[in-house]
Protein backbone atom coordinates (compact mmCIF):
# COMPACT_ATOMS: atom_id res chain seq x y z
CA MET A 1 108.87 179.15 0.58
CA LEU A 2 112.19 176.98 -0.46
CA ARG A 3 114.67 177.54 2.18
CA LYS A 4 116.15 173.87 1.94
CA LEU A 5 117.61 173.23 -0.59
CA ILE A 6 119.68 169.66 -1.65
CA ILE A 7 122.24 170.06 -4.84
CA THR A 8 122.49 166.25 -5.90
CA GLY A 9 124.35 164.56 -8.72
CA ALA A 10 127.22 162.63 -9.73
CA ASN A 11 131.07 163.77 -9.34
CA GLY A 12 131.94 166.71 -12.20
CA ALA A 13 128.19 167.39 -12.52
CA GLY A 14 128.75 171.08 -10.54
CA LYS A 15 127.12 171.05 -7.29
CA SER A 16 129.53 172.91 -5.31
CA ARG A 17 130.02 175.74 -7.97
CA LEU A 18 126.12 176.01 -8.08
CA ALA A 19 125.78 176.09 -4.36
CA ALA A 20 128.29 178.48 -4.37
CA ARG A 21 126.72 180.39 -6.71
CA LEU A 22 122.84 180.09 -5.28
CA ALA A 23 124.78 181.58 -1.73
CA ALA A 24 125.97 184.40 -3.10
CA THR A 25 122.49 185.42 -3.65
CA HIS A 26 121.56 184.55 -0.26
CA PRO A 27 124.11 184.92 2.28
CA GLU A 28 122.11 184.42 4.92
CA VAL A 29 121.31 180.66 3.83
CA PRO A 30 124.24 178.27 4.90
CA VAL A 31 126.04 175.90 2.64
CA VAL A 32 127.05 172.66 3.62
CA SER A 33 129.24 170.58 1.62
CA PHE A 34 128.42 166.82 2.39
CA ASP A 35 132.01 165.98 1.60
CA ALA A 36 133.21 168.34 3.87
CA MET A 37 131.32 166.16 6.59
CA LYS A 38 132.99 162.94 5.07
CA LEU A 39 136.93 164.15 5.07
CA THR A 40 139.29 164.89 7.40
CA SER A 41 142.69 165.27 5.36
CA GLU A 42 144.49 163.43 2.74
CA TRP A 43 141.01 161.86 1.28
CA ARG A 44 140.77 160.07 4.72
CA GLN A 45 136.93 159.19 5.92
CA ARG A 46 135.34 160.28 9.32
CA PRO A 47 133.81 157.88 11.45
CA ARG A 48 129.96 157.27 9.78
CA SER A 49 128.59 158.03 13.35
CA GLN A 50 130.46 161.58 13.65
CA VAL A 51 129.13 162.13 9.41
CA GLY A 52 125.67 161.38 10.43
CA ALA A 53 125.84 163.38 13.99
CA ASP A 54 127.19 166.66 11.68
CA LEU A 55 124.49 166.36 9.01
CA SER A 56 121.99 166.10 11.46
CA GLN A 57 122.87 168.97 13.29
CA ALA A 58 123.20 170.44 10.15
CA ILE A 59 119.84 169.79 8.79
CA GLN A 60 117.98 170.97 11.55
CA ARG A 61 118.64 174.74 10.80
CA ASP A 62 116.02 176.88 9.52
CA SER A 63 117.46 177.42 5.88
CA TRP A 64 120.35 175.52 4.11
CA ILE A 65 122.06 174.44 1.15
CA LEU A 66 123.44 170.90 1.44
CA GLU A 67 125.64 169.81 -1.73
CA GLY A 68 126.74 166.39 -2.11
CA GLY A 69 126.58 163.12 -3.76
CA PRO A 70 123.76 160.20 -4.04
CA SER A 71 124.39 158.94 -0.85
CA LEU A 72 123.73 162.12 0.67
CA LEU A 73 119.55 161.88 -0.46
CA ALA A 74 119.06 159.06 1.76
CA HIS A 75 119.86 160.64 4.95
CA ALA A 76 118.57 163.98 4.42
CA ILE A 77 115.61 164.20 1.70
CA ARG A 78 113.17 163.98 4.43
CA HIS A 79 114.33 167.32 5.73
CA ALA A 80 114.33 169.15 2.61
CA ASP A 81 111.88 171.33 0.67
CA SER A 82 113.42 171.25 -2.48
CA VAL A 83 116.71 169.20 -4.72
CA MET A 84 118.31 170.02 -7.69
CA TRP A 85 119.76 167.17 -9.46
CA LEU A 86 122.29 168.20 -11.73
CA ASP A 87 122.11 165.50 -14.77
CA PRO A 88 124.74 166.87 -17.20
CA PRO A 89 125.91 164.46 -20.37
CA GLU A 90 128.51 162.30 -19.47
CA TRP A 91 130.89 163.55 -21.91
CA LEU A 92 131.04 167.13 -19.88
CA ARG A 93 131.12 165.24 -16.46
CA ALA A 94 134.59 163.87 -18.28
CA TRP A 95 135.66 167.18 -19.36
CA ARG A 96 135.01 168.57 -15.85
CA LEU A 97 136.71 165.73 -13.96
CA ALA A 98 139.49 165.70 -16.31
CA ILE A 99 140.68 169.81 -15.86
CA ARG A 100 139.41 169.65 -11.78
CA PRO A 101 142.64 168.31 -11.02
CA LEU A 102 144.95 170.05 -13.14
CA ARG A 103 142.83 173.63 -11.75
CA ASN A 104 143.43 172.73 -7.73
CA MET A 105 146.65 171.11 -8.63
CA GLY A 106 148.84 171.33 -5.52
CA ARG A 107 145.68 172.78 -3.31
CA THR A 108 142.45 171.94 -1.47
CA ARG A 109 139.07 172.84 -3.03
CA PRO A 110 137.31 175.34 -1.11
CA GLU A 111 134.29 172.86 -1.09
CA LEU A 112 136.47 170.50 1.44
CA PRO A 113 138.49 170.18 4.57
CA GLU A 114 142.51 171.73 4.67
CA GLY A 115 144.36 169.02 3.86
CA ASN A 116 142.36 167.11 0.83
CA VAL A 117 145.06 168.26 -2.50
CA ASP A 118 143.84 167.38 -5.63
CA TRP A 119 146.53 165.45 -6.69
CA PRO A 120 146.06 164.31 -11.08
CA TRP A 121 147.07 160.93 -10.76
CA GLU A 122 144.82 160.24 -7.46
CA GLN A 123 142.18 162.44 -8.80
CA TYR A 124 141.92 160.61 -12.11
CA LYS A 125 141.57 157.47 -10.71
CA PHE A 126 138.71 158.64 -9.03
CA ALA A 127 137.31 160.19 -12.20
CA ILE A 128 137.43 156.91 -14.07
CA ARG A 129 135.36 155.15 -10.86
CA SER A 130 133.18 157.52 -11.18
CA LEU A 131 132.14 158.11 -14.73
CA THR A 132 132.05 154.14 -14.55
CA ASN A 133 128.87 154.05 -12.18
CA GLY A 134 127.51 157.21 -13.88
CA ARG A 135 124.43 154.89 -14.63
CA ARG A 136 124.10 153.40 -11.02
CA PHE A 137 124.26 157.64 -9.85
CA GLN A 138 121.54 158.12 -12.07
CA GLU A 139 119.20 154.99 -10.41
CA THR A 140 119.93 155.90 -6.96
CA ILE A 141 118.91 159.47 -7.15
CA SER A 142 115.79 158.88 -9.48
CA ALA A 143 114.50 156.26 -6.77
CA GLN A 144 115.40 158.33 -3.83
CA LEU A 145 113.71 161.31 -5.33
CA ALA A 146 110.62 159.11 -6.70
CA ALA A 147 109.68 158.16 -3.25
CA ALA A 148 109.89 161.64 -1.64
CA GLN A 149 106.67 163.15 -0.69
CA GLY A 150 105.70 167.02 -1.39
CA ILE A 151 109.12 168.43 -2.65
CA ARG A 152 110.11 170.73 -5.63
CA VAL A 153 112.57 168.57 -7.71
CA TRP A 154 114.24 170.24 -10.98
CA ARG A 155 116.36 167.60 -13.11
CA ILE A 156 118.96 169.70 -14.83
CA ARG A 157 120.52 168.36 -17.62
CA ASN A 158 121.59 171.75 -19.16
CA ALA A 159 121.97 175.40 -19.33
CA ALA A 160 118.30 176.23 -19.97
CA ASP A 161 117.10 173.51 -17.19
CA LEU A 162 119.61 175.68 -14.64
CA ALA A 163 118.42 178.97 -15.27
CA SER A 164 114.91 178.74 -15.03
CA ALA A 165 115.81 176.26 -11.62
CA ILE A 166 117.88 179.03 -10.23
CA ASP A 167 115.20 181.68 -11.03
CA GLU A 168 112.58 179.77 -9.84
CA TRP A 169 114.61 178.87 -6.48
CA ARG A 170 115.61 182.52 -6.26
CA GLU A 171 111.73 183.79 -6.49
CA GLN A 172 110.56 180.83 -3.98
CA SER A 173 113.43 181.14 -1.58
CA THR A 174 112.70 184.65 -0.31
């Protein structure tokens, strides 16, 4: 039975959207956003010790869907039973990162703490840095997953991979 799922990938891969989609089918399984743990408001970072304590508390639960970028894996992978690695083409990530601040302009995205408002200029600078680091994100995730033992891993690159992973996770998480 799969009850502790990490959804990871680079920025714009679709982690939050997938987590919400899976949670809708299993509302008893809490979704934990690593970004929400890391931020206060106005995009300020919380102290690492507080983030670590909150993450430690979250992964002690019997079940969870934990979504976040590659840095999350080092802290949580040994507690997970499955990982969905969202690894879409760069053009798709670029498109998503381009439209996200426009879609959420002046608002806080649902997966973030209140007060972290999307403004296009700041988000586009962030998107450029993220796209520039795409290869490094892939290498980090790949290395972490290669070292993991006994974990079901899905590497999701397209819609067919996604549908297959969702179906298998739903079957094995009940």
